[in-house]
Amino acid sequence: MRSSSVISSPTSTVRPKGDVVIRIEGITKEYVMGESVIRALRGVDLLIHQNEYLAVMGPSGSGKSTLMNMLGCLDTPSSGRYEFNGKDVASMEDDELAEIRNREIGFVFQTFNLLPRSTSLQNVELPLIYAGIRAHVRRQRAEEALMAVGLGDRMDHKPNELSGGQRQRVAIARALVNQPSIILADEPTGNLDSHTGEEIMALLENLYAEGHTIVVVTHEEGIAEHARRVVHLRDGVIESDHLRISVPKR
């Protein structure tokens, strides 16, 4: 059963919601494992609007990683409907889905997923190459994205020359470079120490304040506290959906 609550704070910053970016209705996902059927999602309904900062939480096996893959158009549901910016995802061809993943969704992963032999600038340019952006334009946009995450002096460094926090900043710059409709961050601080993790969450907070729509998937309460809305999954269903207006002071 879904519940909701509101926590008010006069000093909190909550931007007004915009149009619906993601609409999920009755989504299920089943995996066949030998003679067993694993029901990872069991009828999930979810709306995500522009200007939202949402955390998806749940214990291991709750379905949060499966939901993340659905949101990112990395997997398809067994049943139900998924609309991205008003268009039915099931009706899209493979090239349309690839374009959405490249242009409309910015991915941030726990393991950074950077090319080890490429510089920060080259890693950030990659989505622009796939988008067919001209070389001088993509270089300028990649430089601007790296400067926006505080890495203007690390553009020519390769991943093994960067700290974990700097690598995640490169990954966030890469997620931002195509000016996506939504940023999906999967355990973005999972491989970082607590201090560096707080720096990354402060960066995401700033991005939200600047107008970005952010969804963070996490099992950590401290990470979810940064979001303005928290969805809890359990056994493949939404157990609760809380609007959190107050944000802890750092």
C-alpha atoms as a PDB file:
ATOM      1  CA  MET A   1       0.000   0.000   0.000  1.00  0.00           C
ATOM      2  CA  ARG A   2       1.411   3.384  -0.984  1.00  0.00           C
ATOM      3  CA  SER A   3       1.667   6.107   1.651  1.00  0.00           C
ATOM      4  CA  SER A   4       2.790   9.718   1.513  1.00  0.00           C
ATOM      5  CA  SER A   5       4.003  12.340   3.920  1.00  0.00           C
ATOM      6  CA  VAL A   6       5.218  15.913   3.786  1.00  0.00           C
ATOM      7  CA  ILE A   7       7.951  17.406   5.938  1.00  0.00           C
ATOM      8  CA  SER A   8       8.075  21.198   5.806  1.00  0.00           C
ATOM      9  CA  SER A   9      11.013  23.506   6.307  1.00  0.00           C
ATOM     10  CA  PRO A  10      11.142  27.263   5.736  1.00  0.00           C
ATOM     11  CA  THR A  11      14.745  27.023   4.548  1.00  0.00           C
ATOM     12  CA  SER A  12      14.307  24.158   2.095  1.00  0.00           C
ATOM     13  CA  THR A  13      14.570  24.549  -1.656  1.00  0.00           C
ATOM     14  CA  VAL A  14      11.940  22.747  -3.720  1.00  0.00           C
ATOM     15  CA  ARG A  15      11.463  23.717  -7.336  1.00  0.00           C
ATOM     16  CA  PRO A  16       7.939  23.578  -8.796  1.00  0.00           C
ATOM     17  CA  LYS A  17       7.267  20.444 -10.808  1.00  0.00           C
ATOM     18  CA  GLY A  18       7.060  20.688 -14.577  1.00  0.00           C
ATOM     19  CA  ASP A  19       5.682  18.396 -17.271  1.00  0.00           C
ATOM     20  CA  VAL A  20       5.715  14.622 -16.903  1.00  0.00           C
ATOM     21  CA  VAL A  21       8.977  13.128 -18.185  1.00  0.00           C
ATOM     22  CA  ILE A  22       8.304   9.497 -17.269  1.00  0.00           C
ATOM     23  CA  ARG A  23       4.936   7.765 -16.884  1.00  0.00           C
ATOM     24  CA  ILE A  24       4.914   4.107 -15.836  1.00  0.00           C
ATOM     25  CA  GLU A  25       1.653   2.198 -15.510  1.00  0.00           C
ATOM     26  CA  GLY A  26       1.336  -1.396 -14.297  1.00  0.00           C
ATOM     27  CA  ILE A  27       4.916  -2.319 -15.151  1.00  0.00           C
ATOM     28  CA  THR A  28       5.916  -5.925 -14.461  1.00  0.00           C
ATOM     29  CA  LYS A  29       9.163  -7.738 -15.136  1.00  0.00           C
ATOM     30  CA  GLU A  30       9.677 -11.471 -14.953  1.00  0.00           C
ATOM     31  CA  TYR A  31      12.861 -13.494 -15.441  1.00  0.00           C
ATOM     32  CA  VAL A  32      12.905 -17.232 -16.080  1.00  0.00           C
ATOM     33  CA  MET A  33      15.670 -18.942 -14.086  1.00  0.00           C
ATOM     34  CA  GLY A  34      15.585 -22.636 -14.961  1.00  0.00           C
ATOM     35  CA  GLU A  35      12.206 -23.857 -13.795  1.00  0.00           C
ATOM     36  CA  SER A  36      11.627 -20.801 -11.611  1.00  0.00           C
ATOM     37  CA  VAL A  37      10.094 -17.446 -12.508  1.00  0.00           C
ATOM     38  CA  ILE A  38      11.500 -14.404 -10.722  1.00  0.00           C
ATOM     39  CA  ARG A  39       8.981 -11.562 -10.506  1.00  0.00           C
ATOM     40  CA  ALA A  40      11.264  -8.549 -10.119  1.00  0.00           C
ATOM     41  CA  LEU A  41       8.503  -5.954 -10.608  1.00  0.00           C
ATOM     42  CA  ARG A  42       4.851  -6.687  -9.836  1.00  0.00           C
ATOM     43  CA  GLY A  43       2.782  -3.806 -11.184  1.00  0.00           C
ATOM     44  CA  VAL A  44       4.563  -0.514 -10.612  1.00  0.00           C
ATOM     45  CA  ASP A  45       2.903   2.858 -11.261  1.00  0.00           C
ATOM     46  CA  LEU A  46       5.165   5.921 -11.203  1.00  0.00           C
ATOM     47  CA  LEU A  47       5.158   9.509 -12.467  1.00  0.00           C
ATOM     48  CA  ILE A  48       8.367  11.553 -12.644  1.00  0.00           C
ATOM     49  CA  HIS A  49       8.097  15.232 -13.539  1.00  0.00           C
ATOM     50  CA  GLN A  50      10.576  17.800 -14.719  1.00  0.00           C
ATOM     51  CA  ASN A  51      12.268  19.567 -11.788  1.00  0.00           C
ATOM     52  CA  GLU A  52      12.019  16.558  -9.469  1.00  0.00           C
ATOM     53  CA  TYR A  53      14.823  15.117  -7.342  1.00  0.00           C
ATOM     54  CA  LEU A  54      13.773  11.556  -6.613  1.00  0.00           C
ATOM     55  CA  ALA A  55      15.466   8.734  -4.709  1.00  0.00           C
ATOM     56  CA  VAL A  56      14.491   5.100  -5.268  1.00  0.00           C
ATOM     57  CA  MET A  57      15.283   2.917  -2.263  1.00  0.00           C
ATOM     58  CA  GLY A  58      14.851  -0.688  -1.298  1.00  0.00           C
ATOM     59  CA  PRO A  59      16.681  -3.728   0.090  1.00  0.00           C
ATOM     60  CA  SER A  60      18.502  -6.226  -2.098  1.00  0.00           C
ATOM     61  CA  GLY A  61      15.963  -8.007  -4.292  1.00  0.00           C
ATOM     62  CA  SER A  62      13.373  -5.250  -3.997  1.00  0.00           C
ATOM     63  CA  GLY A  63      13.407  -4.492  -7.737  1.00  0.00           C
ATOM     64  CA  LYS A  64      15.163  -1.122  -7.657  1.00  0.00           C
ATOM     65  CA  SER A  65      17.912  -2.121 -10.115  1.00  0.00           C
ATOM     66  CA  THR A  66      15.311  -3.579 -12.464  1.00  0.00           C
ATOM     67  CA  LEU A  67      13.284  -0.370 -12.218  1.00  0.00           C
ATOM     68  CA  MET A  68      16.444   1.644 -12.929  1.00  0.00           C
ATOM     69  CA  ASN A  69      17.016  -0.375 -16.100  1.00  0.00           C
ATOM     70  CA  MET A  70      13.413   0.257 -17.147  1.00  0.00           C
ATOM     71  CA  LEU A  71      13.690   4.001 -16.541  1.00  0.00           C
ATOM     72  CA  GLY A  72      16.900   4.116 -18.571  1.00  0.00           C
ATOM     73  CA  CYS A  73      15.393   2.160 -21.496  1.00  0.00           C
ATOM     74  CA  LEU A  74      18.040  -0.515 -20.906  1.00  0.00           C
ATOM     75  CA  ASP A  75      15.426  -3.253 -20.463  1.00  0.00           C
ATOM     76  CA  THR A  76      11.834  -3.833 -21.512  1.00  0.00           C
ATOM     77  CA  PRO A  77       8.905  -4.731 -19.220  1.00  0.00           C
ATOM     78  CA  SER A  78       7.043  -8.012 -19.369  1.00  0.00           C
ATOM     79  CA  SER A  79       3.781  -6.050 -19.255  1.00  0.00           C
ATOM     80  CA  GLY A  80       2.529  -2.541 -18.596  1.00  0.00           C
ATOM     81  CA  ARG A  81       3.146   0.801 -20.285  1.00  0.00           C
ATOM     82  CA  TYR A  82       6.125   3.143 -20.194  1.00  0.00           C
ATOM     83  CA  GLU A  83       5.945   6.639 -21.703  1.00  0.00           C
ATOM     84  CA  PHE A  84       8.986   8.887 -22.025  1.00  0.00           C
ATOM     85  CA  ASN A  85       8.137  12.513 -22.754  1.00  0.00           C
ATOM     86  CA  GLY A  86       4.655  11.408 -23.837  1.00  0.00           C
ATOM     87  CA  LYS A  87       5.761   8.656 -26.228  1.00  0.00           C
ATOM     88  CA  ASP A  88       5.160   4.932 -25.702  1.00  0.00           C
ATOM     89  CA  VAL A  89       8.586   3.317 -25.345  1.00  0.00           C
ATOM     90  CA  ALA A  90       7.267  -0.059 -26.570  1.00  0.00           C
ATOM     91  CA  SER A  91       6.480   1.495 -29.958  1.00  0.00           C
ATOM     92  CA  MET A  92      10.025   2.785 -30.489  1.00  0.00           C
ATOM     93  CA  GLU A  93      12.519   1.244 -32.873  1.00  0.00           C
ATOM     94  CA  ASP A  94      15.997   0.324 -31.657  1.00  0.00           C
ATOM     95  CA  ASP A  95      17.542   3.463 -33.142  1.00  0.00           C
ATOM     96  CA  GLU A  96      14.954   5.639 -31.356  1.00  0.00           C
ATOM     97  CA  LEU A  97      15.720   3.950 -28.045  1.00  0.00           C
ATOM     98  CA  ALA A  98      19.451   4.410 -28.612  1.00  0.00           C
ATOM     99  CA  GLU A  99      18.891   8.105 -29.298  1.00  0.00           C
ATOM    100  CA  ILE A 100      16.868   8.525 -26.093  1.00  0.00           C
ATOM    101  CA  ARG A 101      19.588   6.783 -24.082  1.00  0.00           C
ATOM    102  CA  ASN A 102      22.212   9.039 -25.621  1.00  0.00           C
ATOM    103  CA  ARG A 103      20.423  12.391 -25.824  1.00  0.00           C
ATOM    104  CA  GLU A 104      17.624  12.355 -23.255  1.00  0.00           C
ATOM    105  CA  ILE A 105      19.039  10.307 -20.360  1.00  0.00           C
ATOM    106  CA  GLY A 106      22.295  11.027 -18.567  1.00  0.00           C
ATOM    107  CA  PHE A 107      23.645   7.935 -16.794  1.00  0.00           C
ATOM    108  CA  VAL A 108      25.885   7.990 -13.717  1.00  0.00           C
ATOM    109  CA  PHE A 109      27.078   4.591 -12.513  1.00  0.00           C
ATOM    110  CA  GLN A 110      28.663   3.354  -9.303  1.00  0.00           C
ATOM    111  CA  THR A 111      31.693   2.057 -11.240  1.00  0.00           C
ATOM    112  CA  PHE A 112      32.104   5.278 -13.289  1.00  0.00           C
ATOM    113  CA  ASN A 113      32.298   3.359 -16.641  1.00  0.00           C
ATOM    114  CA  LEU A 114      35.049   5.577 -18.061  1.00  0.00           C
ATOM    115  CA  LEU A 115      37.307   4.559 -20.943  1.00  0.00           C
ATOM    116  CA  PRO A 116      40.673   3.940 -19.229  1.00  0.00           C
ATOM    117  CA  ARG A 117      42.879   5.057 -22.126  1.00  0.00           C
ATOM    118  CA  SER A 118      40.926   8.245 -22.843  1.00  0.00           C
ATOM    119  CA  THR A 119      41.290  11.626 -21.185  1.00  0.00           C
ATOM    120  CA  SER A 120      38.539  13.253 -19.165  1.00  0.00           C
ATOM    121  CA  LEU A 121      37.716  15.439 -22.166  1.00  0.00           C
ATOM    122  CA  GLN A 122      37.525  12.454 -24.527  1.00  0.00           C
ATOM    123  CA  ASN A 123      35.297  10.528 -22.109  1.00  0.00           C
ATOM    124  CA  VAL A 124      32.892  13.451 -21.848  1.00  0.00           C
ATOM    125  CA  GLU A 125      32.888  13.943 -25.626  1.00  0.00           C
ATOM    126  CA  LEU A 126      31.756  10.366 -26.259  1.00  0.00           C
ATOM    127  CA  PRO A 127      27.955  10.951 -26.194  1.00  0.00           C
ATOM    128  CA  LEU A 128      28.451  13.899 -28.543  1.00  0.00           C
ATOM    129  CA  ILE A 129      30.343  11.721 -30.997  1.00  0.00           C
ATOM    130  CA  TYR A 130      27.434   9.261 -31.021  1.00  0.00           C
ATOM    131  CA  ALA A 131      25.093  12.221 -31.550  1.00  0.00           C
ATOM    132  CA  GLY A 132      27.056  13.337 -34.617  1.00  0.00           C
ATOM    133  CA  ILE A 133      28.146  16.685 -33.168  1.00  0.00           C
ATOM    134  CA  ARG A 134      31.000  18.393 -35.000  1.00  0.00           C
ATOM    135  CA  ALA A 135      34.451  18.151 -33.421  1.00  0.00           C
ATOM    136  CA  HIS A 136      34.935  21.794 -32.439  1.00  0.00           C
ATOM    137  CA  VAL A 137      31.409  22.029 -30.992  1.00  0.00           C
ATOM    138  CA  ARG A 138      31.697  18.844 -28.962  1.00  0.00           C
ATOM    139  CA  ARG A 139      35.082  19.910 -27.581  1.00  0.00           C
ATOM    140  CA  GLN A 140      33.623  23.212 -26.423  1.00  0.00           C
ATOM    141  CA  ARG A 141      30.591  21.537 -24.841  1.00  0.00           C
ATOM    142  CA  ALA A 142      32.743  18.888 -23.145  1.00  0.00           C
ATOM    143  CA  GLU A 143      35.040  21.581 -21.735  1.00  0.00           C
ATOM    144  CA  GLU A 144      32.040  23.497 -20.403  1.00  0.00           C
ATOM    145  CA  ALA A 145      30.638  20.330 -18.778  1.00  0.00           C
ATOM    146  CA  LEU A 146      33.954  19.559 -17.071  1.00  0.00           C
ATOM    147  CA  MET A 147      34.257  23.109 -15.814  1.00  0.00           C
ATOM    148  CA  ALA A 148      30.694  22.881 -14.471  1.00  0.00           C
ATOM    149  CA  VAL A 149      31.732  19.953 -12.235  1.00  0.00           C
ATOM    150  CA  GLY A 150      34.953  21.636 -11.114  1.00  0.00           C
ATOM    151  CA  LEU A 151      37.408  19.748 -13.319  1.00  0.00           C
ATOM    152  CA  GLY A 152      38.608  22.490 -15.622  1.00  0.00           C
ATOM    153  CA  ASP A 153      42.184  21.646 -14.646  1.00  0.00           C
ATOM    154  CA  ARG A 154      41.837  17.890 -15.193  1.00  0.00           C
ATOM    155  CA  MET A 155      40.682  17.746 -18.813  1.00  0.00           C
ATOM    156  CA  ASP A 156      43.798  15.990 -20.110  1.00  0.00           C
ATOM    157  CA  HIS A 157      44.031  13.484 -17.244  1.00  0.00           C
ATOM    158  CA  LYS A 158      43.150   9.826 -17.750  1.00  0.00           C
ATOM    159  CA  PRO A 159      41.034   7.947 -15.181  1.00  0.00           C
ATOM    160  CA  ASN A 160      44.033   6.336 -13.448  1.00  0.00           C
ATOM    161  CA  GLU A 161      45.393   9.846 -12.851  1.00  0.00           C
ATOM    162  CA  LEU A 162      42.236  10.922 -11.018  1.00  0.00           C
ATOM    163  CA  SER A 163      40.801  10.228  -7.587  1.00  0.00           C
ATOM    164  CA  GLY A 164      37.538   8.315  -7.236  1.00  0.00           C
ATOM    165  CA  GLY A 165      35.615  11.520  -6.679  1.00  0.00           C
ATOM    166  CA  GLN A 166      37.177  13.132  -9.734  1.00  0.00           C
ATOM    167  CA  ARG A 167      36.282  10.094 -11.858  1.00  0.00           C
ATOM    168  CA  GLN A 168      32.676  10.363 -10.722  1.00  0.00           C
ATOM    169  CA  ARG A 169      32.711  14.058 -11.596  1.00  0.00           C
ATOM    170  CA  VAL A 170      33.888  13.141 -15.099  1.00  0.00           C
ATOM    171  CA  ALA A 171      31.016  10.649 -15.297  1.00  0.00           C
ATOM    172  CA  ILE A 172      28.556  13.349 -14.207  1.00  0.00           C
ATOM    173  CA  ALA A 173      29.975  15.764 -16.803  1.00  0.00           C
ATOM    174  CA  ARG A 174      29.480  13.059 -19.437  1.00  0.00           C
ATOM    175  CA  ALA A 175      25.886  12.604 -18.257  1.00  0.00           C
ATOM    176  CA  LEU A 176      25.280  16.359 -18.553  1.00  0.00           C
ATOM    177  CA  VAL A 177      26.943  17.065 -21.868  1.00  0.00           C
ATOM    178  CA  ASN A 178      23.895  16.338 -24.060  1.00  0.00           C
ATOM    179  CA  GLN A 179      21.624  18.404 -21.782  1.00  0.00           C
ATOM    180  CA  PRO A 180      19.364  15.400 -21.067  1.00  0.00           C
ATOM    181  CA  SER A 181      15.777  15.414 -19.853  1.00  0.00           C
ATOM    182  CA  ILE A 182      16.750  13.366 -16.795  1.00  0.00           C
ATOM    183  CA  ILE A 183      19.851  12.191 -14.939  1.00  0.00           C
ATOM    184  CA  LEU A 184      19.779   8.603 -13.612  1.00  0.00           C
ATOM    185  CA  ALA A 185      22.387   7.943 -10.934  1.00  0.00           C
ATOM    186  CA  ASP A 186      22.800   4.333  -9.790  1.00  0.00           C
ATOM    187  CA  GLU A 187      24.507   4.196  -6.361  1.00  0.00           C
ATOM    188  CA  PRO A 188      26.652   7.219  -7.378  1.00  0.00           C
ATOM    189  CA  THR A 189      28.674   7.197  -4.128  1.00  0.00           C
ATOM    190  CA  GLY A 190      28.975   3.421  -3.734  1.00  0.00           C
ATOM    191  CA  ASN A 191      32.708   3.295  -4.514  1.00  0.00           C
ATOM    192  CA  LEU A 192      33.624   6.493  -2.663  1.00  0.00           C
ATOM    193  CA  ASP A 193      34.578   7.312   0.903  1.00  0.00           C
ATOM    194  CA  SER A 194      32.000   9.212   2.942  1.00  0.00           C
ATOM    195  CA  HIS A 195      33.619  12.644   2.540  1.00  0.00           C
ATOM    196  CA  THR A 196      33.963  12.301  -1.242  1.00  0.00           C
ATOM    197  CA  GLY A 197      30.440  10.905  -1.399  1.00  0.00           C
ATOM    198  CA  GLU A 198      29.113  14.034   0.283  1.00  0.00           C
ATOM    199  CA  GLU A 199      30.947  16.159  -2.289  1.00  0.00           C
ATOM    200  CA  ILE A 200      29.282  14.234  -5.124  1.00  0.00           C
ATOM    201  CA  MET A 201      25.861  14.604  -3.491  1.00  0.00           C
ATOM    202  CA  ALA A 202      26.494  18.342  -3.075  1.00  0.00           C
ATOM    203  CA  LEU A 203      27.252  18.478  -6.790  1.00  0.00           C
ATOM    204  CA  LEU A 204      23.969  16.716  -7.599  1.00  0.00           C
ATOM    205  CA  GLU A 205      22.200  19.148  -5.264  1.00  0.00           C
ATOM    206  CA  ASN A 206      23.646  22.064  -7.234  1.00  0.00           C
ATOM    207  CA  LEU A 207      22.582  20.469 -10.517  1.00  0.00           C
ATOM    208  CA  TYR A 208      19.034  20.116  -9.184  1.00  0.00           C
ATOM    209  CA  ALA A 209      19.055  23.769  -8.121  1.00  0.00           C
ATOM    210  CA  GLU A 210      20.177  24.718 -11.644  1.00  0.00           C
ATOM    211  CA  GLY A 211      17.194  22.983 -13.229  1.00  0.00           C
ATOM    212  CA  HIS A 212      18.086  19.334 -13.750  1.00  0.00           C
ATOM    213  CA  THR A 213      15.745  16.414 -13.082  1.00  0.00           C
ATOM    214  CA  ILE A 214      17.522  13.753 -11.036  1.00  0.00           C
ATOM    215  CA  VAL A 215      16.715  10.172 -10.035  1.00  0.00           C
ATOM    216  CA  VAL A 216      19.097   8.437  -7.626  1.00  0.00           C
ATOM    217  CA  VAL A 217      18.892   4.713  -6.931  1.00  0.00           C
ATOM    218  CA  THR A 218      20.412   3.863  -3.548  1.00  0.00           C
ATOM    219  CA  HIS A 219      20.174   1.624  -0.499  1.00  0.00           C
ATOM    220  CA  GLU A 220      21.650   4.296   1.779  1.00  0.00           C
ATOM    221  CA  GLU A 221      19.352   6.492   3.858  1.00  0.00           C
ATOM    222  CA  GLY A 222      21.957   9.250   4.005  1.00  0.00           C
ATOM    223  CA  ILE A 223      22.038   9.498   0.218  1.00  0.00           C
ATOM    224  CA  ALA A 224      18.254   9.433  -0.108  1.00  0.00           C
ATOM    225  CA  GLU A 225      17.997  12.306   2.377  1.00  0.00           C
ATOM    226  CA  HIS A 226      19.291  14.654  -0.303  1.00  0.00           C
ATOM    227  CA  ALA A 227      16.287  13.990  -2.545  1.00  0.00           C
ATOM    228  CA  ARG A 228      12.959  15.829  -2.355  1.00  0.00           C
ATOM    229  CA  ARG A 229      10.934  12.655  -2.889  1.00  0.00           C
ATOM    230  CA  VAL A 230      11.705   9.104  -1.799  1.00  0.00           C
ATOM    231  CA  VAL A 231      10.113   5.984  -3.302  1.00  0.00           C
ATOM    232  CA  HIS A 232      10.583   2.730  -1.364  1.00  0.00           C
ATOM    233  CA  LEU A 233      10.361  -0.580  -3.202  1.00  0.00           C
ATOM    234  CA  ARG A 234       9.829  -3.951  -1.566  1.00  0.00           C
ATOM    235  CA  ASP A 235       9.220  -7.287  -3.286  1.00  0.00           C
ATOM    236  CA  GLY A 236       8.717  -5.587  -6.635  1.00  0.00           C
ATOM    237  CA  VAL A 237       6.036  -3.093  -5.600  1.00  0.00           C
ATOM    238  CA  ILE A 238       6.082   0.488  -4.351  1.00  0.00           C
ATOM    239  CA  GLU A 239       5.715   0.294  -0.594  1.00  0.00           C
ATOM    240  CA  SER A 240       5.722   4.050  -0.003  1.00  0.00           C
ATOM    241  CA  ASP A 241       6.158   7.316  -1.893  1.00  0.00           C
ATOM    242  CA  HIS A 242       7.144  10.224   0.373  1.00  0.00           C
ATOM    243  CA  LEU A 243       7.518  13.879  -0.494  1.00  0.00           C
ATOM    244  CA  ARG A 244      10.423  15.256   1.519  1.00  0.00           C
ATOM    245  CA  ILE A 245      10.484  19.054   1.553  1.00  0.00           C
ATOM    246  CA  SER A 246      13.111  19.495   4.240  1.00  0.00           C
ATOM    247  CA  VAL A 247      16.728  18.663   3.415  1.00  0.00           C
ATOM    248  CA  PRO A 248      19.363  18.094   6.103  1.00  0.00           C
ATOM    249  CA  LYS A 249      21.883  20.909   6.504  1.00  0.00           C
ATOM    250  CA  ARG A 250      25.447  19.981   5.627  1.00  0.00           C
END
